[in-house]
Amino acid sequence: MKKVTELVSELARPVVEKHGCELWDTEYVKEAGSWFLRVYIDHPGGVSIGMCEAVSRELDALLDELDPIEGSYTFEVSSAGAERPLRRPGDFAKFMGSLVAVKLYQAKNGKKEFVGKLSGYEEGAVLLDTAEEKLRFEKKEIALVHLQIEF
C-alpha cells in the first residue's frame, strides 16, 4: 500500500504542472493533535499567492472526490520557500554550488550547524565547502539540509 504522501504526489503533480509549476514536496504530518497535508510548489520566477490558490482549489476538489485519506486534516498549498529543505538526490543536483546550511543531530567540532557551498552529494553524504575547510557529512549525521539566503 502506498504512503499518503506518495498517493497525494501522484494526484498533485498533473494539477501543479497544469498551472505552470513544479511539485517540490508533499508532507502529511501531525502537529498539536491535528493532521496537516501540505503540498509545496515551485516556479522559476517565484510562486505567487494566485498560483497557490489555483492549485489548492483544483487539488482540493480532486482530493474531496477521490477521498484517499481517512479522517480529517487541514490542507495547505504553499511555496517551497527560499530556504527550502533539500531531501532527494535531484534536489541536491539542482542546487549544487548553492549556499546551504547543514544541521546535525550531534555536534561535530563543537557545532551542530555548518554553512557553506554545496560541493557534492554521494549516496546520502553531503560535501560542503566552507571558508575554512572542505567537509563531508554522512547521511546518518544529518538532521536537515536547507538552502541558505545570501545577503
Protein backbone atom coordinates (compact mmCIF):
# COMPACT_ATOMS: atom_id res chain seq x y z
CA MET A 1 0.00 0.00 0.00
CA LYS A 2 1.31 3.44 -0.91
CA LYS A 3 2.03 6.10 1.67
CA VAL A 4 -0.32 9.09 1.85
CA THR A 5 2.41 11.38 0.53
CA GLU A 6 3.03 9.14 -2.50
CA LEU A 7 -0.69 8.99 -3.34
CA VAL A 8 -1.14 12.73 -2.98
CA SER A 9 2.01 13.45 -5.01
CA GLU A 10 0.66 11.33 -7.87
CA LEU A 11 -2.63 13.24 -7.78
CA ALA A 12 -0.99 16.64 -7.31
CA ARG A 13 1.76 16.50 -9.95
CA PRO A 14 -0.51 16.92 -13.04
CA VAL A 15 -2.54 19.65 -11.33
CA VAL A 16 0.59 21.54 -10.27
CA GLU A 17 2.17 21.21 -13.71
CA LYS A 18 -1.06 22.35 -15.40
CA HIS A 19 -0.61 25.63 -13.54
CA GLY A 20 2.98 26.00 -14.76
CA CYS A 21 4.60 24.97 -11.50
CA GLU A 22 6.75 22.10 -10.22
CA LEU A 23 5.75 19.84 -7.34
CA TRP A 24 8.54 20.29 -4.81
CA ASP A 25 7.34 18.13 -1.91
CA THR A 26 4.33 16.67 -0.12
CA GLU A 27 4.07 16.08 3.60
CA TYR A 28 1.43 14.58 5.86
CA VAL A 29 2.21 15.35 9.49
CA LYS A 30 0.55 15.50 12.87
CA GLU A 31 1.08 18.76 14.73
CA ALA A 32 -0.54 19.70 18.04
CA GLY A 33 -3.01 16.83 17.70
CA SER A 34 -4.18 17.69 14.16
CA TRP A 35 -3.18 16.25 10.79
CA PHE A 36 -1.86 18.54 8.05
CA LEU A 37 -1.48 17.70 4.37
CA ARG A 38 0.92 20.13 2.74
CA VAL A 39 1.81 20.41 -0.92
CA TYR A 40 4.83 22.58 -1.73
CA ILE A 41 5.20 24.03 -5.20
CA ASP A 42 7.95 25.86 -7.05
CA HIS A 43 8.15 28.11 -10.10
CA PRO A 44 11.26 29.58 -11.79
CA GLY A 45 10.01 33.16 -11.31
CA GLY A 46 8.74 32.53 -7.79
CA VAL A 47 5.41 31.29 -6.51
CA SER A 48 2.55 33.76 -6.18
CA ILE A 49 -0.44 33.56 -3.89
CA GLY A 50 -2.59 33.22 -7.02
CA MET A 51 -0.66 30.11 -8.07
CA CYS A 52 -1.14 28.57 -4.62
CA GLU A 53 -4.85 29.40 -4.69
CA ALA A 54 -5.38 27.93 -8.16
CA VAL A 55 -3.56 24.70 -7.33
CA SER A 56 -5.30 24.49 -3.95
CA ARG A 57 -8.80 24.91 -5.39
CA GLU A 58 -8.33 22.29 -8.08
CA LEU A 59 -6.45 19.78 -5.95
CA ASP A 60 -8.84 20.19 -3.00
CA ALA A 61 -11.79 19.29 -5.25
CA LEU A 62 -9.89 16.24 -6.55
CA LEU A 63 -8.99 15.11 -3.02
CA ASP A 64 -12.64 15.51 -1.94
CA GLU A 65 -13.80 13.46 -4.92
CA LEU A 66 -11.28 10.62 -4.60
CA ASP A 67 -11.03 10.74 -0.77
CA PRO A 68 -7.63 8.97 -0.49
CA ILE A 69 -7.10 9.93 3.18
CA GLU A 70 -9.12 8.61 6.10
CA GLY A 71 -10.12 11.10 8.75
CA SER A 72 -9.94 14.87 8.79
CA TYR A 73 -6.92 17.03 8.01
CA THR A 74 -6.03 20.59 7.13
CA PHE A 75 -4.94 21.01 3.50
CA GLU A 76 -2.38 23.65 2.51
CA VAL A 77 -0.57 24.58 -0.71
CA SER A 78 2.44 26.86 -0.41
CA SER A 79 5.74 27.83 -1.93
CA ALA A 80 8.71 25.59 -1.26
CA GLY A 81 10.33 28.74 0.15
CA ALA A 82 13.66 30.43 -0.36
CA GLU A 83 15.27 28.34 2.40
CA ARG A 84 13.64 25.08 1.34
CA PRO A 85 14.94 21.76 2.65
CA LEU A 86 16.88 19.53 0.26
CA ARG A 87 15.87 15.87 0.62
CA ARG A 88 16.13 13.97 -2.65
CA PRO A 89 19.21 13.44 -4.85
CA GLY A 90 17.61 15.65 -7.52
CA ASP A 91 17.25 18.50 -5.01
CA PHE A 92 20.99 18.38 -4.31
CA ALA A 93 21.83 18.18 -8.03
CA LYS A 94 19.63 21.19 -8.80
CA PHE A 95 21.28 23.35 -6.14
CA MET A 96 24.91 22.21 -6.47
CA GLY A 97 27.16 25.19 -5.77
CA SER A 98 24.48 26.99 -3.75
CA LEU A 99 24.87 28.17 -0.18
CA VAL A 100 23.32 25.64 2.22
CA ALA A 101 23.07 25.02 5.95
CA VAL A 102 23.68 21.50 7.24
CA LYS A 103 22.19 20.77 10.66
CA LEU A 104 23.45 17.73 12.54
CA TYR A 105 21.88 15.50 15.17
CA GLN A 106 25.03 15.71 17.31
CA ALA A 107 27.74 18.34 17.49
CA LYS A 108 30.87 17.91 15.36
CA ASN A 109 33.88 20.06 16.24
CA GLY A 110 31.66 21.77 18.82
CA LYS A 111 29.00 22.83 16.29
CA LYS A 112 25.65 21.43 15.17
CA GLU A 113 25.21 23.69 12.12
CA PHE A 114 27.57 24.38 9.23
CA VAL A 115 27.08 26.80 6.34
CA GLY A 116 28.92 26.62 3.04
CA LYS A 117 28.69 25.91 -0.68
CA LEU A 118 27.19 22.56 -1.60
CA SER A 119 30.03 20.84 -3.47
CA GLY A 120 28.83 17.27 -3.69
CA TYR A 121 26.27 14.61 -2.86
CA GLU A 122 27.34 10.97 -2.75
CA GLU A 123 24.85 8.30 -1.70
CA GLY A 124 23.36 10.49 1.02
CA ALA A 125 26.62 12.11 2.12
CA VAL A 126 26.79 15.89 1.73
CA LEU A 127 30.02 17.65 0.76
CA LEU A 128 30.35 21.24 1.87
CA ASP A 129 32.98 23.89 1.15
CA THR A 130 33.22 26.45 3.96
CA ALA A 131 35.55 29.44 4.14
CA GLU A 132 37.88 27.38 6.35
CA GLU A 133 37.68 23.82 5.03
CA LYS A 134 36.03 21.13 2.96
CA LEU A 135 33.66 18.97 5.00
CA ARG A 136 31.83 15.69 4.50
CA PHE A 137 28.71 14.76 6.45
CA GLU A 138 27.35 11.23 6.32
CA LYS A 139 23.61 10.71 5.90
CA LYS A 140 23.21 9.29 9.43
CA GLU A 141 24.69 12.51 10.92
CA ILE A 142 22.38 14.91 9.08
CA ALA A 143 19.15 16.16 10.60
CA LEU A 144 18.42 18.72 7.85
CA VAL A 145 19.98 20.40 4.83
CA HIS A 146 18.35 23.57 3.55
CA LEU A 147 19.16 26.45 1.23
CA GLN A 148 20.62 29.49 2.93
CA ILE A 149 19.89 33.00 1.72
CA GLU A 150 22.93 35.14 0.89
CA PHE A 151 22.69 38.82 1.77
